[in-house]
């Protein structure tokens, strides 16, 4: 079982940067595919980025490609989301999520794929 705790959110001006962290408590973190999602008020939770457990292959939502970078540190059981060139439309609660490797296809952008979720961290980008 994994417990996920996000941190690093806050208030930043447009064009600025933030780095979010997601710390996992389980002993098998390295076998989890990890994702970041976000949810703005009144909107659906949307896919932001994902990273696989084995080769650290990365995937991004269209709205963040070229600005956000996902990475992982299996030694410290942590996944990161580096967010650059932030825009007001990036304002949302950001959630990390974990999917244990099962040998089946990893539908990284689908919310129901994931087994565990963090509590979220607020990111606010002012114009």
Foldseek 3Di string as FASTA:
>chain_A
DKAKAKDWADEEAAQAKIKMKIAIDDPPLLQKKKFKWWDDPPDDIWGAKIAHSPPRDIDGDPVQPPFWDWDDDVVRRMIMIIGGRDDQVVWTWMKMFIAGDDPDDQPRGDPVRTDDMYPTDTHGYHD
